[in-house]
Amino acid sequence: MHARLLAVRNLTYRMFVEGGRAPTVAEVAREAGLTSAEAEACWRELHRAHALVLHPGSAEIRMANPFAAVPTPYRVRVAGRWWYGNCAWDALGICAALHADGRIETSCPDCGEAIALEVRDRRVDDERLLFHCLVPAARWWDDIVFT
């Protein structure tokens, strides 16, 4: 990954965390000193490299793993703010990415029972819970939104 692409990726993630939402391509372009077309080209290359996920047919961020830019069943409270994870794994990843304790709220996809999980000192409070993927990891990027 070349330096400009890495800088745009890091800026995009920083703005996502600081703003509490996915930044727009215009916001990233302005902050990076690029044109919107240049910033969008970087995002498209990052999308191809699986460094972020754009909504189909647009230049809007859908995922900046572990963060979801749209509401999902995986809500995470860290440092007084709510985030959405793309999946259970990413919900845990939000606490890790922010280097902070947190609370994850979701429900069992099988029975619908509510699940609340506390993360303290990089450990979950209920080690009986399992993370299950329907799709093998080698196939996640075939359809990352479904996965």
Protein backbone atom coordinates (compact mmCIF):
# COMPACT_ATOMS: atom_id res chain seq x y z
CA MET A 1 0.00 0.00 0.00
CA HIS A 2 1.60 3.27 -1.07
CA ALA A 3 2.02 6.22 1.30
CA ARG A 4 -0.91 8.34 0.04
CA LEU A 5 -3.31 5.42 0.22
CA LEU A 6 -2.15 4.56 3.73
CA ALA A 7 -2.52 8.20 4.79
CA VAL A 8 -6.09 8.35 3.42
CA ARG A 9 -6.97 5.07 5.13
CA ASN A 10 -5.59 6.27 8.47
CA LEU A 11 -7.30 9.65 8.12
CA THR A 12 -10.61 7.99 7.25
CA TYR A 13 -10.47 5.77 10.34
CA ARG A 14 -9.38 8.66 12.57
CA MET A 15 -12.26 10.80 11.32
CA PHE A 16 -14.69 7.90 11.81
CA VAL A 17 -13.62 7.49 15.44
CA GLU A 18 -13.43 11.21 16.24
CA GLY A 19 -16.73 12.04 14.52
CA GLY A 20 -18.63 8.97 15.68
CA ARG A 21 -19.75 8.25 12.11
CA ALA A 22 -18.34 7.49 8.71
CA PRO A 23 -16.88 10.60 7.11
CA THR A 24 -17.90 11.64 3.62
CA VAL A 25 -15.46 11.57 0.74
CA ALA A 26 -15.64 15.39 0.63
CA GLU A 27 -14.70 15.63 4.31
CA VAL A 28 -11.72 13.31 3.88
CA ALA A 29 -10.65 15.12 0.71
CA ARG A 30 -10.73 18.49 2.46
CA GLU A 31 -8.78 17.21 5.46
CA ALA A 32 -6.22 15.43 3.25
CA GLY A 33 -5.76 18.31 0.82
CA LEU A 34 -7.07 16.24 -2.07
CA THR A 35 -9.83 16.72 -4.59
CA SER A 36 -12.99 14.70 -3.98
CA ALA A 37 -12.15 12.65 -7.08
CA GLU A 38 -8.69 11.82 -5.69
CA ALA A 39 -10.10 10.86 -2.28
CA GLU A 40 -12.80 8.74 -3.91
CA ALA A 41 -10.17 6.99 -6.05
CA CYS A 42 -8.25 6.18 -2.86
CA TRP A 43 -11.41 4.84 -1.21
CA ARG A 44 -12.16 2.67 -4.24
CA GLU A 45 -8.63 1.25 -4.13
CA LEU A 46 -9.00 0.65 -0.37
CA HIS A 47 -12.30 -1.09 -1.08
CA ARG A 48 -10.61 -3.37 -3.64
CA ALA A 49 -7.88 -4.10 -1.05
CA HIS A 50 -10.54 -4.96 1.60
CA ALA A 51 -9.36 -2.08 3.82
CA LEU A 52 -12.90 -0.65 3.90
CA VAL A 53 -16.23 -1.43 2.26
CA LEU A 54 -18.21 1.02 0.16
CA HIS A 55 -21.94 0.85 -0.46
CA PRO A 56 -22.53 -0.68 -3.89
CA GLY A 57 -22.64 1.94 -6.62
CA SER A 58 -21.60 4.82 -4.36
CA ALA A 59 -18.66 6.44 -2.64
CA GLU A 60 -20.18 6.09 0.83
CA ILE A 61 -18.58 3.92 3.48
CA ARG A 62 -20.56 0.87 4.58
CA MET A 63 -17.83 -0.66 6.77
CA ALA A 64 -14.52 0.44 8.14
CA ASN A 65 -13.88 -2.78 10.00
CA PRO A 66 -14.60 -3.23 12.83
CA PHE A 67 -16.97 -0.24 12.59
CA ALA A 68 -20.27 -0.37 10.73
CA ALA A 69 -21.54 2.84 9.17
CA VAL A 70 -25.12 1.55 9.27
CA PRO A 71 -27.19 0.23 12.18
CA THR A 72 -26.64 -3.47 12.86
CA PRO A 73 -27.75 -5.88 15.60
CA TYR A 74 -24.33 -5.42 17.28
CA ARG A 75 -24.36 -2.28 19.42
CA VAL A 76 -21.23 -1.41 21.34
CA ARG A 77 -20.85 1.21 24.07
CA VAL A 78 -17.29 2.37 24.60
CA ALA A 79 -16.12 5.51 26.42
CA GLY A 80 -19.63 6.95 26.58
CA ARG A 81 -20.36 6.52 22.86
CA TRP A 82 -22.39 3.97 20.93
CA TRP A 83 -21.00 2.22 17.86
CA TYR A 84 -22.24 -0.52 15.58
CA GLY A 85 -20.15 -3.56 14.79
CA ASN A 86 -20.60 -5.47 11.55
CA CYS A 87 -20.83 -8.78 13.41
CA ALA A 88 -20.14 -10.21 16.87
CA TRP A 89 -16.42 -10.48 16.10
CA ASP A 90 -16.25 -6.84 15.01
CA ALA A 91 -18.20 -5.76 18.11
CA LEU A 92 -15.35 -7.18 20.19
CA GLY A 93 -12.94 -5.56 17.74
CA ILE A 94 -14.35 -2.11 18.48
CA CYS A 95 -13.27 -2.41 22.11
CA ALA A 96 -9.86 -3.62 20.94
CA ALA A 97 -9.49 -0.88 18.31
CA LEU A 98 -10.37 1.83 20.82
CA HIS A 99 -8.22 0.22 23.55
CA ALA A 100 -11.11 0.49 25.99
CA ASP A 101 -13.60 -1.50 28.01
CA GLY A 102 -17.11 -1.68 26.64
CA ARG A 103 -20.55 -3.22 26.59
CA ILE A 104 -21.91 -5.18 23.65
CA GLU A 105 -25.65 -5.61 23.20
CA THR A 106 -27.13 -7.96 20.64
CA SER A 107 -29.42 -10.97 20.42
CA CYS A 108 -28.99 -14.62 19.62
CA PRO A 109 -29.51 -15.01 15.87
CA ASP A 110 -31.04 -18.45 16.48
CA CYS A 111 -33.59 -17.83 19.26
CA GLY A 112 -33.66 -14.03 19.56
CA GLU A 113 -32.72 -13.99 23.26
CA ALA A 114 -31.05 -10.73 24.32
CA ILE A 115 -27.31 -10.91 24.94
CA ALA A 116 -25.30 -8.33 26.84
CA LEU A 117 -21.59 -8.74 27.22
CA GLU A 118 -19.10 -6.65 29.17
CA VAL A 119 -15.49 -6.35 28.02
CA ARG A 120 -13.08 -5.46 30.84
CA ASP A 121 -9.31 -5.50 30.64
CA ARG A 122 -9.53 -7.12 27.18
CA ARG A 123 -11.61 -10.02 28.46
CA VAL A 124 -15.29 -10.83 28.12
CA ASP A 125 -17.35 -11.36 31.25
CA ASP A 126 -19.09 -14.49 29.96
CA GLU A 127 -16.69 -16.96 28.44
CA ARG A 128 -19.49 -19.47 27.81
CA LEU A 129 -20.64 -17.54 24.73
CA LEU A 130 -19.55 -18.74 21.31
CA PHE A 131 -18.90 -16.89 18.08
CA HIS A 132 -20.13 -18.86 15.09
CA CYS A 133 -19.64 -18.04 11.41
CA LEU A 134 -21.91 -19.55 8.82
CA VAL A 135 -19.37 -18.74 6.11
CA PRO A 136 -15.81 -20.11 6.20
CA ALA A 137 -13.24 -17.33 6.64
CA ALA A 138 -11.74 -18.03 3.21
CA ARG A 139 -15.10 -17.01 1.66
CA TRP A 140 -15.92 -13.92 3.76
CA TRP A 141 -15.04 -11.46 1.02
CA ASP A 142 -17.26 -13.21 -1.50
CA ASP A 143 -20.07 -11.20 0.16
CA ILE A 144 -18.68 -9.42 3.22
CA VAL A 145 -21.99 -7.72 4.05
CA PHE A 146 -23.77 -11.08 4.32
CA THR A 147 -20.86 -12.63 6.18
